[in-house]
């Protein structure tokens, strides 16, 4: 698989196709600014993606080029999605990747909402690559 282009928006990325209705999704929340839907390859019992409806590749692109209304609307949609899923208590993790070092697979800004179990520390490995897991007993 070719590396995504992180400089030029690709109208044929999977999220653009979902926004156009070319690919179905299991919608959790939608408004004028964002769409939230279940991830097709969940990494936690609850794994939902929230994407802006505009053509933004990454958080850097979004914060540099989106309008104030788009930015506020997107983050409100993230909050409304967590409320709709009943995640405010006991909690959830938000994750957004940018570029190849973060393993961003789709070049359209998206925030992962992960919940439904203890999701562990922010990074599961220390800088030397050793497993760094907390004792949960």
Protein backbone atom coordinates (compact mmCIF):
# COMPACT_ATOMS: atom_id res chain seq x y z
CA UNK A 1 0.00 0.00 0.00
CA UNK A 2 1.35 3.43 -0.96
CA UNK A 3 1.99 6.03 1.72
CA UNK A 4 -0.77 8.64 1.97
CA UNK A 5 -0.08 12.15 0.67
CA UNK A 6 -0.08 14.39 3.74
CA UNK A 7 0.10 17.63 1.71
CA UNK A 8 -2.71 17.33 -0.85
CA UNK A 9 -6.23 16.24 0.03
CA UNK A 10 -7.27 13.03 -1.73
CA UNK A 11 -10.97 13.10 -2.68
CA UNK A 12 -10.86 9.31 -2.97
CA UNK A 13 -9.75 8.53 0.57
CA UNK A 14 -12.14 6.22 2.43
CA UNK A 15 -13.52 8.97 4.69
CA UNK A 16 -14.26 11.24 1.72
CA UNK A 17 -16.15 8.31 0.18
CA UNK A 18 -18.08 7.78 3.43
CA UNK A 19 -18.98 11.49 3.55
CA UNK A 20 -20.26 11.30 -0.06
CA UNK A 21 -22.34 8.22 0.78
CA UNK A 22 -20.32 5.96 -1.53
CA UNK A 23 -19.46 3.65 1.38
CA UNK A 24 -21.95 2.85 4.18
CA UNK A 25 -21.14 3.42 7.83
CA UNK A 26 -22.72 2.83 11.21
CA UNK A 27 -23.42 6.43 12.21
CA UNK A 28 -23.39 7.42 15.88
CA UNK A 29 -23.76 11.19 15.46
CA UNK A 30 -23.95 13.66 12.59
CA UNK A 31 -24.42 17.41 12.23
CA UNK A 32 -23.39 20.16 9.79
CA UNK A 33 -19.73 19.98 10.81
CA UNK A 34 -18.93 16.35 11.59
CA UNK A 35 -19.79 12.69 11.23
CA UNK A 36 -19.13 10.08 13.93
CA UNK A 37 -19.28 6.39 13.12
CA UNK A 38 -18.10 3.02 14.41
CA UNK A 39 -14.63 1.93 13.28
CA UNK A 40 -14.72 -1.17 11.05
CA UNK A 41 -11.62 -2.56 12.80
CA UNK A 42 -12.24 -1.72 16.48
CA UNK A 43 -9.29 -1.61 18.86
CA UNK A 44 -11.49 -1.37 21.98
CA UNK A 45 -15.06 -2.41 22.89
CA UNK A 46 -16.12 1.11 21.84
CA UNK A 47 -14.15 2.54 18.93
CA UNK A 48 -15.76 5.44 17.11
CA UNK A 49 -14.22 7.85 14.61
CA UNK A 50 -15.23 11.50 14.36
CA UNK A 51 -14.37 13.28 11.12
CA UNK A 52 -14.95 16.85 10.00
CA UNK A 53 -17.08 17.25 6.89
CA UNK A 54 -14.50 19.56 5.35
CA UNK A 55 -11.46 18.43 3.37
CA UNK A 56 -8.77 18.45 6.05
CA UNK A 57 -5.84 16.04 6.08
CA UNK A 58 -4.66 16.47 9.66
CA UNK A 59 -5.04 18.49 12.83
CA UNK A 60 -2.34 20.87 11.55
CA UNK A 61 -4.28 21.40 8.31
CA UNK A 62 -7.57 21.77 10.19
CA UNK A 63 -6.38 24.30 12.76
CA UNK A 64 -4.57 26.33 10.07
CA UNK A 65 -7.36 26.36 7.48
CA UNK A 66 -10.78 25.62 9.00
CA UNK A 67 -13.13 28.39 10.07
CA UNK A 68 -13.76 29.05 13.75
CA UNK A 69 -17.28 27.63 13.28
CA UNK A 70 -15.90 24.42 11.77
CA UNK A 71 -13.38 23.98 14.58
CA UNK A 72 -15.92 24.63 17.32
CA UNK A 73 -18.53 22.49 15.59
CA UNK A 74 -16.13 19.57 15.19
CA UNK A 75 -15.12 19.55 18.86
CA UNK A 76 -18.75 19.93 19.95
CA UNK A 77 -19.54 16.89 17.79
CA UNK A 78 -16.81 14.93 19.58
CA UNK A 79 -18.38 15.86 22.92
CA UNK A 80 -21.92 15.07 21.76
CA UNK A 81 -20.72 11.71 20.45
CA UNK A 82 -19.20 10.76 23.80
CA UNK A 83 -22.45 11.78 25.52
CA UNK A 84 -24.58 9.81 23.02
CA UNK A 85 -22.45 6.72 23.70
CA UNK A 86 -22.69 7.16 27.49
CA UNK A 87 -18.92 7.50 27.86
CA UNK A 88 -18.61 10.61 30.02
CA UNK A 89 -18.41 8.23 33.00
CA UNK A 90 -16.32 6.03 33.33
CA UNK A 91 -14.22 7.80 30.69
CA UNK A 92 -12.67 7.46 27.26
CA UNK A 93 -9.54 8.26 25.28
CA UNK A 94 -9.32 10.63 22.32
CA UNK A 95 -6.57 9.95 19.82
CA UNK A 96 -5.62 11.80 16.63
CA UNK A 97 -2.68 10.74 14.47
CA UNK A 98 -0.66 12.96 12.14
CA UNK A 99 1.69 11.66 9.49
CA UNK A 100 3.72 8.51 9.03
CA UNK A 101 5.42 8.44 12.45
CA UNK A 102 2.02 8.24 14.12
CA UNK A 103 0.75 5.58 11.68
CA UNK A 104 -2.00 7.81 10.25
CA UNK A 105 -3.61 5.50 7.71
CA UNK A 106 -6.27 7.77 6.20
CA UNK A 107 -5.27 11.30 5.13
CA UNK A 108 -8.47 12.91 6.45
CA UNK A 109 -8.48 14.35 9.97
CA UNK A 110 -10.14 11.95 12.37
CA UNK A 111 -10.33 11.53 16.10
CA UNK A 112 -10.61 8.06 17.57
CA UNK A 113 -12.83 7.67 20.63
CA UNK A 114 -11.71 4.56 22.52
CA UNK A 115 -13.61 3.24 25.53
CA UNK A 116 -15.40 0.32 27.10
CA UNK A 117 -12.39 -1.04 29.00
CA UNK A 118 -9.21 0.15 30.68
CA UNK A 119 -7.21 1.44 27.70
CA UNK A 120 -3.84 1.52 29.47
CA UNK A 121 -1.15 4.18 29.59
CA UNK A 122 -0.68 6.64 26.74
CA UNK A 123 2.22 4.66 25.27
CA UNK A 124 2.55 0.96 25.90
CA UNK A 125 6.33 0.91 25.43
CA UNK A 126 9.11 2.96 26.87
CA UNK A 127 11.67 4.64 24.60
CA UNK A 128 13.85 1.52 24.48
CA UNK A 129 10.95 -0.60 23.23
CA UNK A 130 10.34 -2.59 26.43
CA UNK A 131 6.79 -3.30 27.52
CA UNK A 132 5.68 -0.83 30.22
CA UNK A 133 2.35 -2.13 31.54
CA UNK A 134 0.83 -1.09 34.87
CA UNK A 135 -0.11 -3.76 37.38
CA UNK A 136 -3.92 -3.78 37.29
CA UNK A 137 -4.44 -6.38 40.06
